C-alpha atoms as a PDB file:
ATOM      1  CA  ILE A   1       0.000   0.000   0.000  1.00  0.00           C
ATOM      2  CA  ASN A   2       1.582   3.258  -1.046  1.00  0.00           C
ATOM      3  CA  THR A   3       0.817   6.408   0.851  1.00  0.00           C
ATOM      4  CA  PRO A   4      -0.721   9.286  -1.004  1.00  0.00           C
ATOM      5  CA  SER A   5       2.012  11.841  -1.319  1.00  0.00           C
ATOM      6  CA  ILE A   6       1.698  15.526  -0.645  1.00  0.00           C
ATOM      7  CA  PRO A   7       0.586  17.283  -3.836  1.00  0.00           C
ATOM      8  CA  ARG A   8       3.497  19.035  -5.580  1.00  0.00           C
ATOM      9  CA  MET A   9       1.825  22.451  -5.308  1.00  0.00           C
ATOM     10  CA  GLN A  10       1.460  22.027  -1.567  1.00  0.00           C
ATOM     11  CA  MET A  11       5.049  20.737  -1.284  1.00  0.00           C
ATOM     12  CA  SER A  12       6.365  23.795  -3.102  1.00  0.00           C
ATOM     13  CA  LEU A  13       4.960  25.968  -0.315  1.00  0.00           C
ATOM     14  CA  LEU A  14       7.157  24.164   2.212  1.00  0.00           C
ATOM     15  CA  SER A  15      10.923  24.202   2.483  1.00  0.00           C
ATOM     16  CA  ILE A  16      13.193  21.929   4.476  1.00  0.00           C
ATOM     17  CA  PRO A  17      15.278  24.829   5.868  1.00  0.00           C
ATOM     18  CA  GLU A  18      12.125  26.552   7.160  1.00  0.00           C
ATOM     19  CA  VAL A  19      10.712  23.357   8.703  1.00  0.00           C
ATOM     20  CA  LEU A  20      14.119  22.601  10.213  1.00  0.00           C
ATOM     21  CA  GLN A  21      14.427  26.095  11.654  1.00  0.00           C
ATOM     22  CA  LYS A  22      10.930  25.928  13.119  1.00  0.00           C
ATOM     23  CA  LYS A  23      11.704  22.664  14.940  1.00  0.00           C
ATOM     24  CA  ARG A  24      15.176  23.848  15.955  1.00  0.00           C
ATOM     25  CA  ASP A  25      13.513  26.843  17.619  1.00  0.00           C
ATOM     26  CA  GLY A  26      11.247  24.532  19.642  1.00  0.00           C
ATOM     27  CA  ALA A  27       7.966  24.975  17.744  1.00  0.00           C
ATOM     28  CA  VAL A  28       5.534  22.116  17.167  1.00  0.00           C
ATOM     29  CA  LEU A  29       5.479  20.948  13.557  1.00  0.00           C
ATOM     30  CA  SER A  30       2.167  20.370  11.785  1.00  0.00           C
ATOM     31  CA  ASP A  31       1.264  16.956  10.397  1.00  0.00           C
ATOM     32  CA  ASN A  32       1.794  18.408   6.914  1.00  0.00           C
ATOM     33  CA  GLU A  33       5.322  19.584   7.782  1.00  0.00           C
ATOM     34  CA  ILE A  34       6.224  16.183   9.212  1.00  0.00           C
ATOM     35  CA  ASN A  35       4.748  14.405   6.186  1.00  0.00           C
ATOM     36  CA  PHE A  36       6.767  16.744   3.960  1.00  0.00           C
ATOM     37  CA  PHE A  37       9.986  15.872   5.796  1.00  0.00           C
ATOM     38  CA  VAL A  38       9.347  12.106   5.595  1.00  0.00           C
ATOM     39  CA  GLN A  39       8.369  12.353   1.926  1.00  0.00           C
ATOM     40  CA  CYS A  40      11.580  14.264   1.141  1.00  0.00           C
ATOM     41  CA  VAL A  41      13.608  11.586   2.938  1.00  0.00           C
ATOM     42  CA  SER A  42      11.850   8.668   1.236  1.00  0.00           C
ATOM     43  CA  GLU A  43      12.165  10.303  -2.212  1.00  0.00           C
ATOM     44  CA  LYS A  44      15.819  11.227  -1.565  1.00  0.00           C
ATOM     45  CA  GLN A  45      15.025  14.914  -2.088  1.00  0.00           C
ATOM     46  CA  ILE A  46      16.905  16.053   1.007  1.00  0.00           C
ATOM     47  CA  ASP A  47      20.585  16.261   1.865  1.00  0.00           C
ATOM     48  CA  PRO A  48      21.762  13.756   4.516  1.00  0.00           C
ATOM     49  CA  SER A  49      23.087  16.659   6.621  1.00  0.00           C
ATOM     50  CA  GLN A  50      19.554  18.087   6.743  1.00  0.00           C
ATOM     51  CA  ILE A  51      18.197  14.727   7.868  1.00  0.00           C
ATOM     52  CA  GLY A  52      20.782  14.694  10.658  1.00  0.00           C
ATOM     53  CA  ALA A  53      19.933  18.279  11.620  1.00  0.00           C
ATOM     54  CA  MET A  54      16.211  17.448  11.785  1.00  0.00           C
ATOM     55  CA  LEU A  55      16.844  14.360  13.904  1.00  0.00           C
ATOM     56  CA  MET A  56      19.031  16.442  16.228  1.00  0.00           C
ATOM     57  CA  ALA A  57      16.257  19.069  16.450  1.00  0.00           C
ATOM     58  CA  PHE A  58      13.776  16.291  17.299  1.00  0.00           C
ATOM     59  CA  CYS A  59      16.141  15.070  20.000  1.00  0.00           C
ATOM     60  CA  LEU A  60      16.963  18.466  21.503  1.00  0.00           C
ATOM     61  CA  SER A  61      13.492  20.031  21.231  1.00  0.00           C
ATOM     62  CA  GLY A  62      11.527  16.859  21.822  1.00  0.00           C
ATOM     63  CA  LEU A  63       8.391  15.749  20.021  1.00  0.00           C
ATOM     64  CA  SER A  64       4.851  16.415  21.153  1.00  0.00           C
ATOM     65  CA  THR A  65       2.413  13.510  21.188  1.00  0.00           C
ATOM     66  CA  GLN A  66       0.847  14.877  17.987  1.00  0.00           C
ATOM     67  CA  GLU A  67       4.280  15.066  16.303  1.00  0.00           C
ATOM     68  CA  THR A  68       5.184  11.540  17.432  1.00  0.00           C
ATOM     69  CA  VAL A  69       1.927  10.153  16.042  1.00  0.00           C
ATOM     70  CA  ALA A  70       2.330  12.089  12.767  1.00  0.00           C
ATOM     71  CA  LEU A  71       5.960  10.969  12.361  1.00  0.00           C
ATOM     72  CA  THR A  72       5.112   7.339  13.108  1.00  0.00           C
ATOM     73  CA  ARG A  73       2.168   7.313  10.694  1.00  0.00           C
ATOM     74  CA  SER A  74       4.104   9.074   7.976  1.00  0.00           C
ATOM     75  CA  MET A  75       7.032   6.667   8.264  1.00  0.00           C
ATOM     76  CA  LYS A  76       4.677   3.665   8.300  1.00  0.00           C
ATOM     77  CA  ASP A  77       2.872   4.919   5.227  1.00  0.00           C
ATOM     78  CA  SER A  78       5.995   5.948   3.295  1.00  0.00           C
ATOM     79  CA  GLY A  79       6.697   2.521   1.846  1.00  0.00           C
ATOM     80  CA  THR A  80       4.961  -0.532   0.526  1.00  0.00           C
ATOM     81  CA  ALA A  81       3.072  -2.896   2.802  1.00  0.00           C
ATOM     82  CA  GLN A  82       2.951  -6.602   2.056  1.00  0.00           C
ATOM     83  CA  LYS A  83      -0.453  -8.236   1.692  1.00  0.00           C
ATOM     84  CA  TRP A  84      -0.794 -11.746   3.025  1.00  0.00           C
ATOM     85  CA  GLU A  85      -3.232 -14.466   2.080  1.00  0.00           C
ATOM     86  CA  PRO A  86      -6.359 -14.191   4.272  1.00  0.00           C
ATOM     87  CA  SER A  87      -6.113 -17.896   5.127  1.00  0.00           C
ATOM     88  CA  TRP A  88      -2.586 -17.566   6.503  1.00  0.00           C
ATOM     89  CA  ASN A  89      -1.918 -17.285  10.200  1.00  0.00           C
ATOM     90  CA  VAL A  90       0.674 -14.516  10.061  1.00  0.00           C
ATOM     91  CA  VAL A  91       2.515 -13.567  13.256  1.00  0.00           C
ATOM     92  CA  ASP A  92       5.300 -11.109  13.961  1.00  0.00           C
ATOM     93  CA  LYS A  93       8.378 -11.352  16.088  1.00  0.00           C
ATOM     94  CA  HIS A  94      10.128  -8.032  16.529  1.00  0.00           C
ATOM     95  CA  SER A  95      13.619  -7.730  17.909  1.00  0.00           C
ATOM     96  CA  THR A  96      15.064  -4.718  19.641  1.00  0.00           C
ATOM     97  CA  GLY A  97      18.529  -6.030  18.990  1.00  0.00           C
ATOM     98  CA  GLY A  98      21.033  -7.894  21.029  1.00  0.00           C
ATOM     99  CA  VAL A  99      23.718 -10.447  20.423  1.00  0.00           C
ATOM    100  CA  GLY A 100      23.440 -13.980  19.206  1.00  0.00           C
ATOM    101  CA  ASP A 101      19.923 -14.601  17.823  1.00  0.00           C
ATOM    102  CA  LYS A 102      19.163 -16.723  20.848  1.00  0.00           C
ATOM    103  CA  VAL A 103      15.421 -16.203  20.290  1.00  0.00           C
ATOM    104  CA  SER A 104      14.701 -15.268  16.658  1.00  0.00           C
ATOM    105  CA  ILE A 105      16.036 -18.261  14.735  1.00  0.00           C
ATOM    106  CA  PRO A 106      14.696 -21.022  17.019  1.00  0.00           C
ATOM    107  CA  LEU A 107      11.383 -19.181  17.449  1.00  0.00           C
ATOM    108  CA  PHE A 108      10.899 -18.846  13.664  1.00  0.00           C
ATOM    109  CA  ALA A 109      11.401 -22.601  13.309  1.00  0.00           C
ATOM    110  CA  ALA A 110       9.098 -23.442  16.226  1.00  0.00           C
ATOM    111  CA  LEU A 111       6.306 -21.189  14.954  1.00  0.00           C
ATOM    112  CA  ALA A 112       6.613 -22.657  11.452  1.00  0.00           C
ATOM    113  CA  THR A 113       6.074 -26.176  12.834  1.00  0.00           C
ATOM    114  CA  PHE A 114       2.646 -24.985  13.997  1.00  0.00           C
ATOM    115  CA  GLY A 115       1.797 -23.682  10.520  1.00  0.00           C
ATOM    116  CA  LEU A 116       2.330 -20.041  11.385  1.00  0.00           C
ATOM    117  CA  LYS A 117       3.913 -17.653   8.875  1.00  0.00           C
ATOM    118  CA  VAL A 118       6.581 -15.344  10.283  1.00  0.00           C
ATOM    119  CA  PRO A 119       7.648 -12.861   7.624  1.00  0.00           C
ATOM    120  CA  SER A 120      10.391 -10.873   9.254  1.00  0.00           C
ATOM    121  CA  VAL A 121      12.707  -7.965   8.677  1.00  0.00           C
ATOM    122  CA  VAL A 122      16.162  -9.041   9.735  1.00  0.00           C
ATOM    123  CA  GLY A 123      19.480  -7.267   9.994  1.00  0.00           C
ATOM    124  CA  ARG A 124      22.676  -7.803   8.093  1.00  0.00           C
ATOM    125  CA  GLY A 125      26.310  -7.186   9.049  1.00  0.00           C
ATOM    126  CA  LEU A 126      25.607  -6.030  12.595  1.00  0.00           C
ATOM    127  CA  GLY A 127      28.899  -5.794  14.438  1.00  0.00           C
ATOM    128  CA  HIS A 128      31.027  -8.739  15.449  1.00  0.00           C
ATOM    129  CA  THR A 129      28.252 -11.344  15.400  1.00  0.00           C
ATOM    130  CA  GLY A 130      26.690 -10.494  12.056  1.00  0.00           C
ATOM    131  CA  GLY A 131      22.959 -10.091  11.642  1.00  0.00           C
ATOM    132  CA  THR A 132      20.195 -12.671  11.532  1.00  0.00           C
ATOM    133  CA  ALA A 133      20.255 -12.547   7.712  1.00  0.00           C
ATOM    134  CA  ASP A 134      23.967 -13.387   7.680  1.00  0.00           C
ATOM    135  CA  LYS A 135      23.433 -16.385   9.970  1.00  0.00           C
ATOM    136  CA  LEU A 136      20.441 -17.702   8.012  1.00  0.00           C
ATOM    137  CA  GLU A 137      22.267 -17.404   4.683  1.00  0.00           C
ATOM    138  CA  ALA A 138      25.079 -19.557   6.116  1.00  0.00           C
ATOM    139  CA  ILE A 139      22.637 -22.503   5.948  1.00  0.00           C
ATOM    140  CA  PRO A 140      23.184 -24.307   2.614  1.00  0.00           C
ATOM    141  CA  GLY A 141      20.263 -23.652   0.253  1.00  0.00           C
ATOM    142  CA  PHE A 142      18.717 -20.937   2.422  1.00  0.00           C
ATOM    143  CA  ASN A 143      17.715 -17.986   0.224  1.00  0.00           C
ATOM    144  CA  LEU A 144      16.655 -14.584   1.530  1.00  0.00           C
ATOM    145  CA  ALA A 145      16.848 -12.884  -1.874  1.00  0.00           C
ATOM    146  CA  LEU A 146      13.227 -13.480  -2.867  1.00  0.00           C
ATOM    147  CA  GLN A 147      12.448 -10.746  -5.361  1.00  0.00           C
ATOM    148  CA  SER A 148       8.871 -11.238  -6.477  1.00  0.00           C
ATOM    149  CA  ASN A 149       5.652 -11.580  -4.519  1.00  0.00           C
ATOM    150  CA  ASN A 150       5.233 -15.032  -6.120  1.00  0.00           C
ATOM    151  CA  GLU A 151       8.636 -16.162  -4.795  1.00  0.00           C
ATOM    152  CA  ARG A 152       7.740 -14.889  -1.327  1.00  0.00           C
ATOM    153  CA  ARG A 153       4.340 -16.605  -1.440  1.00  0.00           C
ATOM    154  CA  GLU A 154       5.905 -19.903  -2.519  1.00  0.00           C
ATOM    155  CA  ALA A 155       8.457 -19.729   0.298  1.00  0.00           C
ATOM    156  CA  LEU A 156       5.760 -19.094   2.889  1.00  0.00           C
ATOM    157  CA  ASP A 157       3.224 -21.547   1.462  1.00  0.00           C
END
């Protein structure tokens, strides 16, 4: 599901330096300003230094509840969401990080034995232990590079 983007005419009325300055000065950003920032990031229409400056402004000035909700929604809606077969029992296991995959890999296998589907976003090249993706790809024949929706469906079916 792709998010409707901000119309170009409306975007042209906003500028990253002005939005950045507003947040730097401690003001509360509107939903539209936050959506504009996220859209610029996702479309690569913003310099990385401006992204860093905005994140620093968020950190130093804080985010109101309204800004947090708007930022979360905008980030969630900025990409493509996968659609799963209605008959599938899809579950999620989210990791906050850590060392060793002591839970993720065995849990994925255990859940699969009960017929549950566990599509997961996993990390790669994370420090000295590597990420979950690196460990899984060390298993002969294990393939994480499923490109099409059909390949993903076949793997989960």
